[in-house]
Amino acid sequence: MSEKECVELPYGRPMYVMAKPVGAACNLQCGYCYYLEKSRLYDASSQMMSDEMLDLFIREYIHSQTTLEVLFTWHGGEPLLRPISFYERALELQQKYADGRKVATCIQTNATLLDDKWCEFFRRNDFLVGVSIDGPQPMHDSLRKTRRGESSYQDVMRGLRLLNKHRVEWNAMATVNQANVEHPLEFYRFFRDDLECRFLQFTPVVERTCQTEGVERLMHGAEPRGEVMPYSITAEQWGHFLCEIFDEWVRNDVGRMFVQLFDSTLANWVGEAVGVCTMSKYCGHAAVIEHNGDVYSCDHFVFPEYRLGNLREKSLSEMMYGRRQSDFGVAKHTSLPRQCRECEYEFACHGECPRNRFLTTADGESGLNYLCKGYYSFFAHVADAMDYMRRQLQQGLPPANVMKWMAKQRF
């Protein structure tokens, strides 16, 4: 379709398919990584996306969109294990198949492989770079180590300096685990003051042992079961962590520092679309494609039973707009237990991610989120501030006024 013919459909909404050009291959071996075991689903010696698959994916991804903007996200493993030439070819194909659409690109990296050439390339082509870093060095190095068990912190910091040197736009993505969850303000101030980061996303680590080990378990479609791993956080820790950082943020940094979870909470508070699937009412519009063209319902559900098909056999439209993916997305809401449906803050989290719903309610019903108590304490803590910001937005005023309002409150 030509640029003049490219009209956004009235019912269109973005479709996201995160691409894994190197599969689970990575130069680090983070202790909590949920994706390393996925390498056993495929031949470990050949987990690189071919030129033919790259072409097919980019063409399908663009042509399956119902909106005028298309976002490509390259993830891993570590996507910088592919050379710059791979992404140069990707950009050429994006332009070839754009059909008048605006195409944007982001890439998630551990930053240890960055050099001047990479950063020049990112700057020249307007990449948004997501950098994985878990806080100051003791927090970061606790679980984010090289494959030889050595520190990765200095290499990450070197990468960040190069991104800043070349004026590359970057965001920080951190996990919250037992190494940093008890130090919320030190964690937050590190990103704000030391790194001068303006966009921060942090994700709670909740990982479990498997009842049966090995590729046989994976190939039979079993999800992780068993005990929570020791580096995972508790619901109570998560709630305290969020409340401490929110109090610092809401008094000093609204409109200056953007914290994804707080932005998403406010969006739900005012009834707007949220920017993260874990906090939305439904999911299913963000899938993942492996190096060989296999498409799965979600990055956290790369198990055989959630495989939607292969791009060589089915179109992305068939897979992403088909019944299986639709049912997967709707089930996030319809499978909520009664305790969640009747909760006064259900609108704020919608039960969070289904992967964490492995507890039972007080009534013995399954499907309660492991982090429920933490989220509940957080929402109760921030309710007054969120109500105030909602009123500000309804009056056309900036929510940053909450900082002045908070200064008058007694806490």
Protein backbone atom coordinates (compact mmCIF):
# COMPACT_ATOMS: atom_id res chain seq x y z
CA MET A 1 0.00 0.00 0.00
CA SER A 2 1.31 3.48 -0.84
CA GLU A 3 1.81 6.28 1.65
CA LYS A 4 -1.42 7.94 0.48
CA GLU A 5 -3.33 4.68 0.82
CA CYS A 6 -1.97 3.86 4.28
CA VAL A 7 -4.94 4.76 6.48
CA GLU A 8 -5.10 3.78 10.12
CA LEU A 9 -8.01 1.49 10.82
CA PRO A 10 -10.56 2.92 13.32
CA TYR A 11 -10.36 -0.24 15.43
CA GLY A 12 -6.60 -0.55 15.16
CA ARG A 13 -4.35 -1.06 18.12
CA PRO A 14 -0.62 -1.74 18.14
CA MET A 15 0.55 -5.31 17.83
CA TYR A 16 3.94 -6.03 19.41
CA VAL A 17 6.12 -9.01 18.62
CA MET A 18 9.44 -8.92 20.44
CA ALA A 19 12.17 -10.47 18.29
CA LYS A 20 14.92 -12.79 19.59
CA PRO A 21 17.63 -12.64 16.89
CA VAL A 22 20.04 -14.72 19.00
CA GLY A 23 17.54 -16.86 20.91
CA ALA A 24 18.66 -17.23 24.51
CA ALA A 25 22.39 -16.79 23.73
CA CYS A 26 24.04 -14.33 26.13
CA ASN A 27 27.51 -13.32 27.28
CA LEU A 28 26.27 -13.03 30.87
CA GLN A 29 24.76 -15.62 33.18
CA CYS A 30 22.42 -13.75 35.50
CA GLY A 31 21.31 -15.81 38.45
CA TYR A 32 17.60 -15.06 38.02
CA CYS A 33 17.39 -15.24 34.22
CA TYR A 34 14.19 -17.02 33.20
CA TYR A 35 15.27 -17.25 29.59
CA LEU A 36 18.52 -19.23 29.74
CA GLU A 37 16.68 -22.54 29.98
CA LYS A 38 14.88 -21.76 26.72
CA SER A 39 18.11 -22.53 24.86
CA ARG A 40 17.31 -26.20 25.51
CA LEU A 41 14.20 -25.96 23.36
CA TYR A 42 16.40 -25.54 20.28
CA ASP A 43 19.75 -26.64 18.92
CA ALA A 44 22.17 -24.63 21.04
CA SER A 45 24.67 -24.36 18.17
CA SER A 46 22.41 -22.54 15.72
CA GLN A 47 20.26 -20.01 17.58
CA MET A 48 20.79 -17.16 15.14
CA MET A 49 18.02 -15.63 13.00
CA SER A 50 18.70 -16.23 9.31
CA ASP A 51 18.59 -13.50 6.66
CA GLU A 52 15.57 -15.24 5.14
CA MET A 53 13.69 -15.23 8.47
CA LEU A 54 14.66 -11.62 9.12
CA ASP A 55 13.13 -10.59 5.79
CA LEU A 56 9.99 -12.65 6.39
CA PHE A 57 9.51 -11.34 9.91
CA ILE A 58 9.92 -7.67 9.03
CA ARG A 59 7.58 -7.92 6.05
CA GLU A 60 4.93 -9.80 8.04
CA TYR A 61 5.25 -7.63 11.12
CA ILE A 62 4.75 -4.37 9.25
CA HIS A 63 1.96 -5.63 7.00
CA SER A 64 0.04 -7.13 9.94
CA GLN A 65 -0.22 -3.81 11.77
CA THR A 66 -3.50 -1.91 11.99
CA THR A 67 -1.85 1.36 13.07
CA LEU A 68 0.42 3.83 11.29
CA GLU A 69 3.30 3.39 13.76
CA VAL A 70 5.33 0.21 14.07
CA LEU A 71 7.72 -0.50 16.93
CA PHE A 72 10.46 -3.09 16.50
CA THR A 73 11.98 -4.46 19.70
CA TRP A 74 15.13 -6.58 19.58
CA HIS A 75 15.68 -8.62 22.70
CA GLY A 76 17.61 -11.62 23.94
CA GLY A 77 19.56 -13.25 25.31
CA GLU A 78 21.94 -10.51 24.30
CA PRO A 79 21.03 -9.06 20.88
CA LEU A 80 24.44 -7.37 20.47
CA LEU A 81 25.87 -10.82 19.81
CA ARG A 82 24.66 -10.13 16.27
CA PRO A 83 26.92 -7.72 14.33
CA ILE A 84 25.92 -4.20 13.32
CA SER A 85 25.49 -5.48 9.76
CA PHE A 86 22.50 -7.56 10.92
CA TYR A 87 20.67 -4.47 12.18
CA GLU A 88 21.72 -2.44 9.14
CA ARG A 89 19.99 -5.08 7.04
CA ALA A 90 16.96 -4.90 9.35
CA LEU A 91 16.73 -1.14 8.82
CA GLU A 92 16.92 -1.60 5.04
CA LEU A 93 14.07 -4.11 5.19
CA GLN A 94 12.00 -1.85 7.43
CA GLN A 95 12.24 0.92 4.85
CA LYS A 96 11.52 -1.51 2.03
CA TYR A 97 8.27 -2.72 3.60
CA ALA A 98 7.22 0.41 5.52
CA ASP A 99 4.40 1.34 3.10
CA GLY A 100 4.14 4.83 4.54
CA ARG A 101 4.19 3.75 8.16
CA LYS A 102 6.44 5.33 10.75
CA VAL A 103 8.91 2.76 12.04
CA ALA A 104 10.74 3.01 15.37
CA THR A 105 13.30 0.66 16.85
CA CYS A 106 14.41 -0.20 20.36
CA ILE A 107 16.88 -2.76 21.59
CA GLN A 108 17.40 -4.23 25.06
CA THR A 109 20.99 -4.91 26.05
CA ASN A 110 23.17 -5.59 29.08
CA ALA A 111 25.45 -2.84 27.66
CA THR A 112 28.68 -4.79 28.22
CA LEU A 113 29.42 -5.14 24.49
CA LEU A 114 28.87 -1.50 23.56
CA ASP A 115 31.63 0.43 21.84
CA ASP A 116 31.88 3.63 19.82
CA LYS A 117 30.76 1.94 16.61
CA TRP A 118 27.60 0.55 18.20
CA CYS A 119 26.73 3.88 19.80
CA GLU A 120 27.36 5.83 16.60
CA PHE A 121 25.06 3.40 14.81
CA PHE A 122 22.32 3.75 17.43
CA ARG A 123 22.53 7.55 17.39
CA ARG A 124 22.51 7.75 13.59
CA ASN A 125 19.44 5.53 13.36
CA ASP A 126 17.46 6.84 16.36
CA PHE A 127 17.46 3.61 18.37
CA LEU A 128 16.04 3.69 21.88
CA VAL A 129 18.35 1.54 23.99
CA GLY A 130 17.12 -0.25 27.09
CA VAL A 131 19.93 -1.01 29.53
CA SER A 132 19.68 -3.77 32.12
CA ILE A 133 21.26 -2.70 35.39
CA ASP A 134 20.17 -3.59 38.92
CA GLY A 135 21.51 -0.68 40.97
CA PRO A 136 24.86 0.19 42.57
CA GLN A 137 27.68 -2.31 42.13
CA PRO A 138 27.02 -4.56 45.17
CA MET A 139 23.36 -4.91 44.16
CA HIS A 140 24.10 -5.35 40.47
CA ASP A 141 26.96 -7.81 40.80
CA SER A 142 25.10 -10.02 43.24
CA LEU A 143 23.21 -11.75 40.41
CA ARG A 144 24.33 -10.14 37.14
CA LYS A 145 27.64 -11.90 36.52
CA THR A 146 29.64 -12.96 33.50
CA ARG A 147 29.63 -16.59 32.40
CA ARG A 148 32.82 -17.01 34.43
CA GLY A 149 31.13 -15.68 37.56
CA GLU A 150 32.87 -12.31 37.45
CA SER A 151 31.57 -8.76 37.90
CA SER A 152 29.76 -7.15 34.96
CA TYR A 153 29.18 -3.76 36.60
CA GLN A 154 32.18 -1.83 35.25
CA ASP A 155 31.48 -2.99 31.70
CA VAL A 156 27.86 -1.81 32.03
CA MET A 157 28.99 1.57 33.34
CA ARG A 158 31.48 1.88 30.48
CA GLY A 159 28.62 1.17 28.07
CA LEU A 160 26.44 3.85 29.68
CA ARG A 161 29.25 6.40 29.38
CA LEU A 162 29.52 5.61 25.68
CA LEU A 163 25.76 5.99 25.19
CA ASN A 164 25.93 9.40 26.87
CA LYS A 165 29.02 10.38 24.88
CA HIS A 166 27.18 9.73 21.62
CA ARG A 167 23.89 11.20 22.92
CA VAL A 168 21.97 7.97 22.47
CA GLU A 169 18.56 7.91 24.13
CA TRP A 170 18.43 5.16 26.76
CA ASN A 171 16.17 3.88 29.51
CA ALA A 172 17.06 1.75 32.51
CA MET A 173 15.43 -1.60 33.23
CA ALA A 174 16.15 -3.16 36.61
CA THR A 175 15.00 -6.24 38.40
CA VAL A 176 14.03 -6.12 42.06
CA ASN A 177 15.49 -9.11 43.89
CA GLN A 178 16.87 -10.02 47.29
CA ALA A 179 20.06 -8.06 46.60
CA ASN A 180 18.30 -4.68 46.34
CA VAL A 181 14.72 -4.96 47.61
CA GLU A 182 15.67 -3.96 51.16
CA HIS A 183 17.40 -0.78 49.95
CA PRO A 184 14.73 1.05 47.92
CA LEU A 185 15.98 4.61 48.36
CA GLU A 186 19.61 3.77 47.66
CA PHE A 187 18.42 1.91 44.58
CA TYR A 188 16.22 4.76 43.33
CA ARG A 189 18.69 7.55 44.05
CA PHE A 190 21.41 5.67 42.20
CA PHE A 191 19.38 5.84 39.00
CA ARG A 192 18.20 9.41 39.56
CA ASP A 193 21.38 11.01 40.91
CA ASP A 194 24.34 8.86 39.85
CA LEU A 195 23.12 7.85 36.40
CA GLU A 196 20.86 10.86 35.81
CA CYS A 197 18.34 8.44 34.38
CA ARG A 198 14.96 9.91 33.47
CA PHE A 199 13.07 6.73 32.52
CA LEU A 200 13.13 3.78 34.90
CA GLN A 201 11.39 0.43 34.74
CA PHE A 202 11.79 -2.12 37.49
CA THR A 203 10.42 -5.63 37.54
CA PRO A 204 9.96 -7.90 40.57
CA VAL A 205 11.81 -11.21 40.41
CA VAL A 206 9.49 -14.13 41.13
CA GLU A 207 10.97 -17.40 39.94
CA ARG A 208 10.22 -20.96 41.00
CA THR A 209 11.99 -24.29 40.90
CA CYS A 210 10.75 -26.95 38.50
CA GLN A 211 9.32 -30.24 39.67
CA THR A 212 10.96 -32.00 36.75
CA GLU A 213 14.23 -30.82 35.28
CA GLY A 214 15.54 -30.85 31.75
CA VAL A 215 14.32 -30.44 28.22
CA GLU A 216 11.76 -33.26 28.61
CA ARG A 217 9.74 -31.08 30.99
CA LEU A 218 9.87 -28.18 28.56
CA MET A 219 8.88 -30.26 25.57
CA HIS A 220 5.78 -31.51 27.35
CA GLY A 221 4.55 -27.98 27.86
CA ALA A 222 4.90 -27.81 31.62
CA GLU A 223 5.24 -24.40 33.23
CA PRO A 224 7.55 -23.79 36.20
CA ARG A 225 6.24 -25.30 39.41
CA GLY A 226 7.65 -25.74 42.88
CA GLU A 227 9.26 -23.58 45.51
CA VAL A 228 10.03 -19.89 45.07
CA MET A 229 13.74 -19.39 44.41
CA PRO A 230 15.73 -17.71 47.22
CA TYR A 231 16.61 -14.63 45.15
CA SER A 232 12.90 -13.92 44.59
CA ILE A 233 11.26 -11.23 46.66
CA THR A 234 8.25 -11.54 48.96
CA ALA A 235 4.98 -9.68 48.51
CA GLU A 236 5.60 -7.72 51.70
CA GLN A 237 9.05 -6.64 50.50
CA TRP A 238 7.60 -5.56 47.17
CA GLY A 239 4.95 -3.40 48.81
CA HIS A 240 7.47 -1.69 51.10
CA PHE A 241 9.88 -1.17 48.20
CA LEU A 242 7.21 0.53 46.08
CA CYS A 243 5.91 2.71 48.90
CA GLU A 244 9.37 3.98 49.86
CA ILE A 245 10.29 4.91 46.30
CA PHE A 246 6.88 6.42 45.59
CA ASP A 247 7.18 8.76 48.58
CA GLU A 248 10.54 9.98 47.32
CA TRP A 249 9.29 10.32 43.74
CA VAL A 250 5.97 12.01 44.47
CA ARG A 251 7.57 14.67 46.68
CA ASN A 252 10.46 15.53 44.40
CA ASP A 253 10.42 14.02 40.93
CA VAL A 254 6.96 14.03 39.29
CA GLY A 255 7.43 15.25 35.74
CA ARG A 256 11.22 14.96 36.04
CA MET A 257 11.71 11.25 36.57
CA PHE A 258 9.40 8.76 34.85
CA VAL A 259 8.86 5.47 36.67
CA GLN A 260 6.90 3.07 34.51
CA LEU A 261 4.94 1.39 37.29
CA PHE A 262 3.86 4.72 38.78
CA ASP A 263 2.84 6.02 35.35
CA SER A 264 0.85 2.84 34.74
CA THR A 265 -0.84 3.11 38.12
CA LEU A 266 -1.91 6.67 37.34
CA ALA A 267 -3.15 5.59 33.91
CA ASN A 268 -5.39 2.95 35.47
CA TRP A 269 -6.51 5.48 38.08
CA VAL A 270 -7.79 7.82 35.37
CA GLY A 271 -9.06 5.07 33.07
CA GLU A 272 -6.46 5.45 30.33
CA ALA A 273 -4.53 2.74 28.51
CA VAL A 274 -1.48 1.59 30.44
CA GLY A 275 2.00 1.25 29.00
CA VAL A 276 2.81 -2.15 30.45
CA CYS A 277 0.91 -5.38 29.86
CA THR A 278 1.21 -6.64 33.45
CA MET A 279 -1.07 -3.84 34.66
CA SER A 280 -3.60 -3.96 31.83
CA LYS A 281 -7.01 -5.64 31.98
CA TYR A 282 -6.25 -7.92 29.05
CA CYS A 283 -3.02 -9.11 27.48
CA GLY A 284 -2.19 -11.02 24.31
CA HIS A 285 -1.14 -8.15 22.06
CA ALA A 286 2.56 -8.60 22.84
CA ALA A 287 4.09 -11.86 21.67
CA VAL A 288 7.63 -13.06 21.01
CA ILE A 289 9.26 -14.58 17.94
CA GLU A 290 12.23 -16.89 18.30
CA HIS A 291 15.19 -16.95 15.94
CA ASN A 292 13.66 -19.76 13.86
CA GLY A 293 10.25 -18.13 13.40
CA ASP A 294 8.37 -19.81 16.24
CA VAL A 295 5.85 -17.39 17.75
CA TYR A 296 4.76 -17.67 21.39
CA SER A 297 1.93 -15.90 23.21
CA CYS A 298 4.26 -14.00 25.55
CA ASP A 299 7.93 -13.71 26.43
CA HIS A 300 7.15 -15.27 29.83
CA PHE A 301 5.24 -18.17 28.27
CA VAL A 302 7.80 -19.66 25.90
CA PHE A 303 6.57 -23.20 26.47
CA PRO A 304 5.34 -25.59 23.78
CA GLU A 305 1.68 -25.27 24.79
CA TYR A 306 1.83 -21.51 24.12
CA ARG A 307 3.44 -21.84 20.70
CA LEU A 308 1.10 -20.20 18.20
CA GLY A 309 2.92 -21.52 15.15
CA ASN A 310 5.84 -20.74 12.90
CA LEU A 311 6.09 -17.80 10.56
CA ARG A 312 6.92 -20.10 7.64
CA GLU A 313 3.57 -21.84 8.12
CA LYS A 314 1.21 -19.12 9.38
CA SER A 315 0.97 -15.37 9.00
CA LEU A 316 1.40 -13.12 12.01
CA SER A 317 -2.17 -11.93 11.50
CA GLU A 318 -3.43 -15.50 11.81
CA MET A 319 -1.47 -16.07 14.98
CA MET A 320 -1.88 -12.71 16.71
CA TYR A 321 -5.54 -12.12 15.83
CA GLY A 322 -6.60 -15.75 16.02
CA ARG A 323 -8.75 -17.46 18.63
CA ARG A 324 -5.90 -19.00 20.63
CA GLN A 325 -4.15 -15.68 21.24
CA SER A 326 -7.44 -13.91 21.83
CA ASP A 327 -8.42 -16.49 24.46
CA PHE A 328 -4.99 -16.18 26.04
CA GLY A 329 -5.38 -12.42 26.37
CA VAL A 330 -8.96 -12.43 27.64
CA ALA A 331 -8.19 -15.16 30.19
CA LYS A 332 -6.09 -12.68 32.14
CA HIS A 333 -9.34 -11.06 33.25
CA THR A 334 -11.84 -13.92 33.15
CA SER A 335 -9.65 -16.25 35.21
CA LEU A 336 -9.39 -13.88 38.17
CA PRO A 337 -10.58 -15.46 41.43
CA ARG A 338 -13.50 -13.89 43.26
CA GLN A 339 -11.24 -12.27 45.84
CA CYS A 340 -9.58 -10.28 43.05
CA ARG A 341 -12.81 -9.43 41.25
CA GLU A 342 -14.24 -7.98 44.48
CA CYS A 343 -11.05 -6.12 45.46
CA GLU A 344 -11.36 -2.33 45.60
CA TYR A 345 -8.07 -2.02 43.71
CA GLU A 346 -8.74 -4.57 40.98
CA PHE A 347 -8.88 -1.70 38.48
CA ALA A 348 -5.32 -0.71 39.37
CA CYS A 349 -3.52 -3.99 38.71
CA HIS A 350 -6.06 -6.36 37.10
CA GLY A 351 -4.40 -9.24 38.89
CA GLU A 352 -0.94 -8.36 37.49
CA CYS A 353 0.84 -10.98 35.35
CA PRO A 354 -0.77 -14.45 35.14
CA ARG A 355 2.67 -16.05 35.51
CA ASN A 356 2.65 -14.95 39.17
CA ARG A 357 -0.83 -16.27 39.98
CA PHE A 358 0.06 -19.45 41.80
CA LEU A 359 -1.36 -18.86 45.29
CA THR A 360 -4.83 -19.67 46.59
CA THR A 361 -7.25 -17.17 48.07
CA ALA A 362 -8.66 -17.25 51.60
CA ASP A 363 -11.56 -19.26 50.15
CA GLY A 364 -9.22 -21.83 48.64
CA GLU A 365 -9.70 -20.63 45.06
CA SER A 366 -6.63 -20.83 42.84
CA GLY A 367 -5.21 -17.95 40.80
CA LEU A 368 -4.19 -15.44 43.46
CA ASN A 369 -1.11 -13.41 42.55
CA TYR A 370 1.98 -14.11 44.64
CA LEU A 371 2.57 -10.34 44.95
CA CYS A 372 -1.03 -9.46 45.83
CA LYS A 373 -0.38 -8.26 49.39
CA GLY A 374 2.42 -6.02 48.20
CA TYR A 375 0.37 -4.41 45.47
CA TYR A 376 -2.58 -3.92 47.81
CA SER A 377 -0.44 -2.11 50.40
CA PHE A 378 1.05 0.05 47.64
CA PHE A 379 -2.31 1.05 46.16
CA ALA A 380 -3.71 1.85 49.58
CA HIS A 381 -0.63 3.96 50.31
CA VAL A 382 -0.78 5.99 47.09
CA ALA A 383 -4.57 6.35 46.77
CA ASP A 384 -4.78 9.95 48.02
CA ALA A 385 -1.95 11.12 45.77
CA MET A 386 -3.43 9.30 42.78
CA ASP A 387 -6.85 10.81 43.45
CA TYR A 388 -5.25 14.26 43.55
CA MET A 389 -3.36 13.74 40.29
CA ARG A 390 -6.54 12.45 38.65
CA ARG A 391 -8.37 15.63 39.64
CA GLN A 392 -5.49 17.71 38.29
CA LEU A 393 -5.65 15.94 34.95
CA GLN A 394 -9.43 16.32 34.77
CA GLN A 395 -8.97 20.08 35.21
CA GLY A 396 -6.27 20.20 32.55
CA LEU A 397 -3.53 20.85 35.11
CA PRO A 398 -0.17 19.06 35.28
CA PRO A 399 0.03 16.15 37.73
CA ALA A 400 3.40 17.55 38.84
CA ASN A 401 1.40 19.92 41.09
CA VAL A 402 1.14 16.95 43.43
CA MET A 403 4.62 17.82 44.72
CA LYS A 404 3.32 21.10 46.14
CA TRP A 405 0.26 19.34 47.52
CA MET A 406 2.37 16.63 49.14
CA ALA A 407 4.49 19.22 50.88
CA LYS A 408 1.37 20.30 52.81
CA GLN A 409 0.33 16.80 53.84
CA ARG A 410 1.17 15.19 57.16
CA PHE A 411 2.83 11.82 56.76
